[in-house]
Amino acid sequence: MSAVGIDLGGTRIKGVVVSETGEVLRREVRETGDGGEKAGRFAEVVRELAEALGSALPLGLSAPGLVARDGRSIVAMPGRLAGLEGLDWTDCLGRAQRVPVMNDGQAALTGEAWIGAARGLRDAVLLTLGTGVGGAILSEGRILRGHLGRAGHFAHTCLDPQGAPSIAGMPGALECAIGNASIRERSAGRFASTQALLAAAQAGDEFACAVWRRSIRALACAVASFVNILDPEAVLIGGGIAQAGEALFGPLREEMARVEWRPGGHAVKLLPAALGEWAGAIGAGRRAMTWTRETSNIEL
């Protein structure tokens, strides 16, 4: 049995065909643009991609935001893709078979738990670091959604009660301390991307080094807090910023050693996510294979 998984992003829509053994049989990408006024365009691109990948195959969809209780639509996307809120994807795509919809972070961790860096783990946390911060929780072998689907929205964790609000209204949020969207503000306008900041830091720019150290300190304090709350076996780090490799993981491990509670000397494992930008689509495809009924937590 194979299935199609589609990951809906602001500028790119990615699709895969995956087999029941976890082999990715096909990958496709379509370019689009953000903005609520382009909702019709998004739906059109998803429809075309779904048909190209296999109209007869089960289909799952991954997208940012909170998923409706019935799993048929996204009910809230703060600051992004507002025109797609409430769109019933089963009806929109004209599918006789239900199209289960997942939050993109939860879909990504579903993929990682199936064939990626979290394979074999029962308890894990995923953080994706890019324009903002995404995330998800694997608890006792299940993806945790919570009461409304908010579980794993680590971006909106408060690190500074006096800070500026995130798109969800949280002051001094983690997303504002590490995401690309805030890099100009954090660097007094000197850098437009984390990549540029890191290049300057690695070239010995003291100002860039100080900005990066503050960002890593904030991330370490947040991760250590999640460890205290959720007690995972491992924390996976993915997203574009994670491509920095040891420039990220090296100082993050050092800061974690300073702030993490380590009973009996036990330190949580910090692991790079394995599936890259395809994790959400792969997870959505896996969900399409395994979906039988809507539950509060997602069974893998």
Protein backbone atom coordinates (compact mmCIF):
# COMPACT_ATOMS: atom_id res chain seq x y z
CA MET A 1 0.00 0.00 0.00
CA SER A 2 1.27 3.47 -0.88
CA ALA A 3 -0.06 6.93 -0.03
CA VAL A 4 0.40 10.55 -1.02
CA GLY A 5 1.52 13.18 1.46
CA ILE A 6 1.36 16.91 0.69
CA ASP A 7 2.98 19.62 2.82
CA LEU A 8 1.47 23.08 2.31
CA GLY A 9 3.91 25.94 2.94
CA GLY A 10 3.76 29.65 2.35
CA THR A 11 5.86 29.65 -0.83
CA ARG A 12 6.30 25.96 -1.72
CA ILE A 13 4.03 22.94 -1.73
CA LYS A 14 5.83 19.60 -1.46
CA GLY A 15 4.37 16.21 -2.26
CA VAL A 16 5.58 12.62 -1.95
CA VAL A 17 4.41 9.11 -2.64
CA VAL A 18 5.51 6.79 0.17
CA SER A 19 5.26 3.02 0.45
CA GLU A 20 4.11 1.18 3.57
CA THR A 21 7.75 0.28 4.26
CA GLY A 22 8.77 3.94 4.32
CA GLU A 23 10.36 4.18 0.90
CA VAL A 24 9.85 7.55 -0.77
CA LEU A 25 8.84 6.57 -4.29
CA ARG A 26 8.38 10.05 -5.74
CA ARG A 27 8.90 13.69 -4.81
CA GLU A 28 7.33 16.78 -6.37
CA VAL A 29 7.50 20.51 -5.57
CA ARG A 30 5.26 23.34 -6.70
CA GLU A 31 5.98 27.02 -6.18
CA THR A 32 3.25 29.42 -5.04
CA GLY A 33 2.99 32.59 -2.95
CA ASP A 34 1.76 33.54 0.51
CA GLY A 35 -1.31 35.63 1.18
CA GLY A 36 -4.95 34.99 2.03
CA GLU A 37 -6.10 36.47 -1.28
CA LYS A 38 -4.39 33.54 -3.03
CA ALA A 39 -6.39 30.81 -1.28
CA GLY A 40 -7.87 29.72 -4.59
CA ARG A 41 -4.37 29.37 -6.05
CA PHE A 42 -3.23 27.22 -3.12
CA ALA A 43 -6.19 24.89 -3.50
CA GLU A 44 -5.59 24.68 -7.26
CA VAL A 45 -1.91 23.78 -6.82
CA VAL A 46 -2.68 21.15 -4.18
CA ARG A 47 -5.36 19.65 -6.43
CA GLU A 48 -2.97 19.49 -9.39
CA LEU A 49 -0.21 17.98 -7.27
CA ALA A 50 -2.53 15.39 -5.72
CA GLU A 51 -3.70 14.30 -9.17
CA ALA A 52 -0.14 14.11 -10.49
CA LEU A 53 1.02 11.95 -7.58
CA GLY A 54 -1.88 9.51 -7.69
CA SER A 55 -5.59 10.26 -7.60
CA ALA A 56 -6.42 6.71 -6.50
CA LEU A 57 -4.02 6.69 -3.53
CA PRO A 58 -4.91 7.71 0.04
CA LEU A 59 -3.91 11.34 0.64
CA GLY A 60 -2.84 13.22 3.76
CA LEU A 61 -2.21 16.96 4.07
CA SER A 62 0.19 18.89 6.31
CA ALA A 63 -0.18 22.64 6.93
CA PRO A 64 0.71 25.27 9.55
CA GLY A 65 -1.88 26.14 12.18
CA LEU A 66 -4.41 24.42 14.41
CA VAL A 67 -6.28 21.45 12.97
CA ALA A 68 -10.06 21.18 13.44
CA ARG A 69 -11.28 18.53 15.86
CA ASP A 70 -12.66 16.46 12.98
CA GLY A 71 -9.26 16.60 11.21
CA ARG A 72 -10.71 17.95 7.96
CA SER A 73 -9.39 21.52 7.96
CA ILE A 74 -7.12 24.11 9.57
CA VAL A 75 -9.16 26.35 11.85
CA ALA A 76 -6.49 28.93 12.78
CA MET A 77 -3.27 30.07 11.10
CA PRO A 78 -2.10 33.18 13.00
CA GLY A 79 -0.41 35.53 10.56
CA ARG A 80 -0.22 33.05 7.68
CA LEU A 81 -2.40 31.67 4.89
CA ALA A 82 -5.55 33.06 6.50
CA GLY A 83 -7.57 32.47 3.33
CA LEU A 84 -7.30 28.71 3.87
CA GLU A 85 -8.75 28.67 7.37
CA GLY A 86 -11.80 26.42 7.51
CA LEU A 87 -11.29 24.92 4.05
CA ASP A 88 -12.50 21.28 4.06
CA TRP A 89 -9.78 19.55 2.05
CA THR A 90 -11.74 16.35 1.46
CA ASP A 91 -14.50 18.34 -0.22
CA CYS A 92 -12.11 20.78 -1.91
CA LEU A 93 -10.15 17.98 -3.58
CA GLY A 94 -13.29 16.04 -4.47
CA ARG A 95 -12.09 12.93 -2.68
CA ALA A 96 -14.39 10.06 -1.77
CA GLN A 97 -11.83 8.94 0.81
CA ARG A 98 -11.21 11.18 3.82
CA VAL A 99 -8.17 13.50 3.60
CA PRO A 100 -6.72 13.72 7.13
CA VAL A 101 -5.18 17.13 7.84
CA MET A 102 -2.22 17.55 10.21
CA ASN A 103 -0.32 20.44 11.73
CA ASP A 104 3.00 20.68 9.89
CA GLY A 105 5.17 20.26 12.98
CA GLN A 106 3.19 17.22 14.10
CA ALA A 107 3.39 15.79 10.58
CA ALA A 108 7.17 16.30 10.54
CA LEU A 109 7.62 14.43 13.80
CA THR A 110 5.32 11.67 12.53
CA GLY A 111 7.72 11.25 9.63
CA GLU A 112 10.80 11.37 11.86
CA ALA A 113 9.28 8.80 14.24
CA TRP A 114 8.44 6.51 11.32
CA ILE A 115 11.65 6.51 9.27
CA GLY A 116 13.81 9.36 10.60
CA ALA A 117 15.86 10.43 13.61
CA ALA A 118 13.14 9.55 16.16
CA ARG A 119 12.62 6.02 14.85
CA GLY A 120 12.43 3.60 17.78
CA LEU A 121 11.88 6.36 20.35
CA ARG A 122 8.80 6.55 22.56
CA ASP A 123 9.26 10.07 23.91
CA ALA A 124 10.80 12.86 21.85
CA VAL A 125 10.52 16.54 21.04
CA LEU A 126 11.03 18.14 17.64
CA LEU A 127 12.01 21.77 17.11
CA THR A 128 12.24 23.20 13.61
CA LEU A 129 14.23 26.42 13.37
CA GLY A 130 13.66 28.56 10.31
CA THR A 131 11.72 31.75 9.66
CA GLY A 132 10.02 30.97 12.95
CA VAL A 133 10.02 27.94 15.24
CA GLY A 134 7.89 24.85 14.74
CA GLY A 135 7.60 21.82 16.92
CA ALA A 136 5.83 18.70 18.08
CA ILE A 137 5.78 16.17 20.91
CA LEU A 138 6.02 12.39 20.76
CA SER A 139 4.65 11.00 24.04
CA GLU A 140 4.56 7.26 24.73
CA GLY A 141 4.69 6.56 21.02
CA ARG A 142 1.96 8.99 19.98
CA ILE A 143 2.01 12.47 18.54
CA LEU A 144 0.41 14.67 21.18
CA ARG A 145 -2.21 17.12 19.88
CA GLY A 146 -3.68 18.29 23.18
CA HIS A 147 -7.18 19.63 23.74
CA LEU A 148 -7.28 22.11 20.83
CA GLY A 149 -4.26 21.00 18.83
CA ARG A 150 -1.86 23.53 20.38
CA ALA A 151 0.55 20.93 21.78
CA GLY A 152 4.06 21.45 20.48
CA HIS A 153 3.74 25.12 19.56
CA PHE A 154 7.07 25.81 21.27
CA ALA A 155 7.55 29.00 19.27
CA HIS A 156 5.24 30.81 21.66
CA THR A 157 7.04 29.90 24.89
CA CYS A 158 7.71 33.01 26.97
CA LEU A 159 11.38 33.75 27.66
CA ASP A 160 10.94 37.44 28.50
CA PRO A 161 7.65 38.68 30.04
CA GLN A 162 8.57 42.24 29.01
CA GLY A 163 9.35 41.38 25.39
CA ALA A 164 7.41 42.11 22.23
CA PRO A 165 4.53 39.72 21.48
CA SER A 166 4.71 36.85 19.02
CA ILE A 167 2.01 36.33 16.38
CA ALA A 168 0.12 34.34 19.02
CA GLY A 169 0.38 37.19 21.52
CA MET A 170 3.09 35.71 23.77
CA PRO A 171 5.62 38.29 25.01
CA GLY A 172 9.31 37.56 24.53
CA ALA A 173 8.63 34.29 22.74
CA LEU A 174 11.27 31.74 21.71
CA GLU A 175 10.41 32.42 18.07
CA CYS A 176 11.55 36.03 18.55
CA ALA A 177 14.86 34.87 20.06
CA ILE A 178 16.04 32.40 17.42
CA GLY A 179 13.93 32.58 14.22
CA ASN A 180 15.04 34.22 10.98
CA ALA A 181 12.05 36.57 11.11
CA SER A 182 13.60 38.49 14.03
CA ILE A 183 17.25 38.47 12.94
CA ARG A 184 17.30 42.11 11.80
CA GLU A 185 15.91 43.27 15.13
CA ARG A 186 18.24 41.05 17.14
CA SER A 187 21.28 42.25 15.20
CA ALA A 188 20.41 45.98 15.18
CA GLY A 189 19.75 45.78 11.44
CA ARG A 190 23.16 44.42 10.50
CA PHE A 191 22.09 40.99 9.28
CA ALA A 192 19.17 39.84 7.14
CA SER A 193 19.50 36.11 7.81
CA THR A 194 20.93 33.68 10.33
CA GLN A 195 23.22 32.39 7.58
CA ALA A 196 24.76 35.85 7.17
CA LEU A 197 25.07 36.22 10.95
CA LEU A 198 26.86 32.88 11.25
CA ALA A 199 29.20 33.66 8.37
CA ALA A 200 30.25 36.86 10.13
CA ALA A 201 30.60 35.10 13.49
CA GLN A 202 32.79 32.38 11.96
CA ALA A 203 34.92 35.12 10.37
CA GLY A 204 35.58 36.52 13.85
CA ASP A 205 33.06 39.39 14.00
CA GLU A 206 32.67 39.99 17.74
CA PHE A 207 29.25 41.60 17.43
CA ALA A 208 27.92 38.67 15.39
CA CYS A 209 29.41 36.22 17.89
CA ALA A 210 27.64 37.98 20.76
CA VAL A 211 24.28 37.95 18.95
CA TRP A 212 24.65 34.25 18.14
CA ARG A 213 25.62 33.39 21.72
CA ARG A 214 22.52 35.19 23.04
CA SER A 215 20.34 33.31 20.56
CA ILE A 216 21.84 29.95 21.55
CA ARG A 217 21.49 30.77 25.25
CA ALA A 218 17.77 31.48 24.73
CA LEU A 219 17.34 28.26 22.76
CA ALA A 220 19.14 26.20 25.41
CA CYS A 221 17.02 27.61 28.22
CA ALA A 222 13.87 26.85 26.23
CA VAL A 223 14.98 23.31 25.35
CA ALA A 224 15.98 22.59 28.96
CA SER A 225 12.56 23.83 30.07
CA PHE A 226 10.83 21.49 27.60
CA VAL A 227 12.97 18.65 28.94
CA ASN A 228 11.82 19.41 32.48
CA ILE A 229 8.17 19.48 31.41
CA LEU A 230 8.09 16.54 28.98
CA ASP A 231 11.11 14.39 29.94
CA PRO A 232 11.90 13.18 26.39
CA GLU A 233 14.56 10.66 25.42
CA ALA A 234 15.79 13.02 22.72
CA VAL A 235 15.29 16.49 21.30
CA LEU A 236 15.43 16.67 17.51
CA ILE A 237 16.47 19.93 15.86
CA GLY A 238 15.52 20.54 12.24
CA GLY A 239 14.73 23.38 9.88
CA GLY A 240 16.97 25.65 7.85
CA ILE A 241 18.98 26.96 10.81
CA ALA A 242 19.87 23.39 11.81
CA GLN A 243 21.81 23.11 8.56
CA ALA A 244 24.50 25.11 10.36
CA GLY A 245 25.54 21.79 11.92
CA GLU A 246 28.18 22.07 14.64
CA ALA A 247 27.96 25.88 14.55
CA LEU A 248 24.56 25.31 16.15
CA PHE A 249 24.88 21.99 17.98
CA GLY A 250 28.32 22.68 19.50
CA PRO A 251 27.42 25.83 21.45
CA LEU A 252 23.93 24.46 22.14
CA ARG A 253 25.43 21.41 23.88
CA GLU A 254 27.71 23.71 25.90
CA GLU A 255 24.80 25.87 27.04
CA MET A 256 22.65 22.82 27.79
CA ALA A 257 25.42 21.56 30.07
CA ARG A 258 25.02 24.79 32.06
CA VAL A 259 21.23 24.86 32.38
CA GLU A 260 19.85 21.31 31.99
CA TRP A 261 18.74 19.37 35.05
CA ARG A 262 20.57 16.05 34.74
CA PRO A 263 19.54 13.59 37.46
CA GLY A 264 22.17 10.91 37.84
CA GLY A 265 24.22 12.63 35.15
CA HIS A 266 21.68 11.79 32.46
CA ALA A 267 21.67 14.33 29.61
CA VAL A 268 18.97 14.41 26.98
CA LYS A 269 20.16 13.50 23.48
CA LEU A 270 20.31 16.36 20.97
CA LEU A 271 19.83 14.96 17.47
CA PRO A 272 19.67 16.56 14.02
CA ALA A 273 16.39 15.79 12.28
CA ALA A 274 16.92 13.39 9.38
CA LEU A 275 14.21 14.05 6.78
CA GLY A 276 14.82 17.73 6.03
CA GLU A 277 12.14 19.68 4.19
CA TRP A 278 10.29 16.48 3.23
CA ALA A 279 9.41 15.45 6.80
CA GLY A 280 5.96 17.05 6.79
CA ALA A 281 4.92 15.47 3.50
CA ILE A 282 6.23 12.06 4.57
CA GLY A 283 4.36 12.32 7.87
CA ALA A 284 1.17 13.33 6.09
CA GLY A 285 1.49 10.30 3.84
CA ARG A 286 1.99 8.05 6.85
CA ARG A 287 -1.12 9.51 8.46
CA ALA A 288 -3.14 8.79 5.32
CA MET A 289 -2.10 5.13 5.58
CA THR A 290 -2.90 4.70 9.26
CA TRP A 291 -5.96 6.91 9.72
CA THR A 292 -9.03 5.02 10.87
CA ARG A 293 -10.74 7.49 13.18
CA GLU A 294 -10.08 10.92 14.66
CA THR A 295 -8.54 10.74 18.12
CA SER A 296 -7.12 13.36 20.45
CA ASN A 297 -3.64 11.97 19.85
CA ILE A 298 -2.23 10.74 16.54
CA GLU A 299 -1.38 7.06 16.41
CA LEU A 300 1.70 6.18 14.40
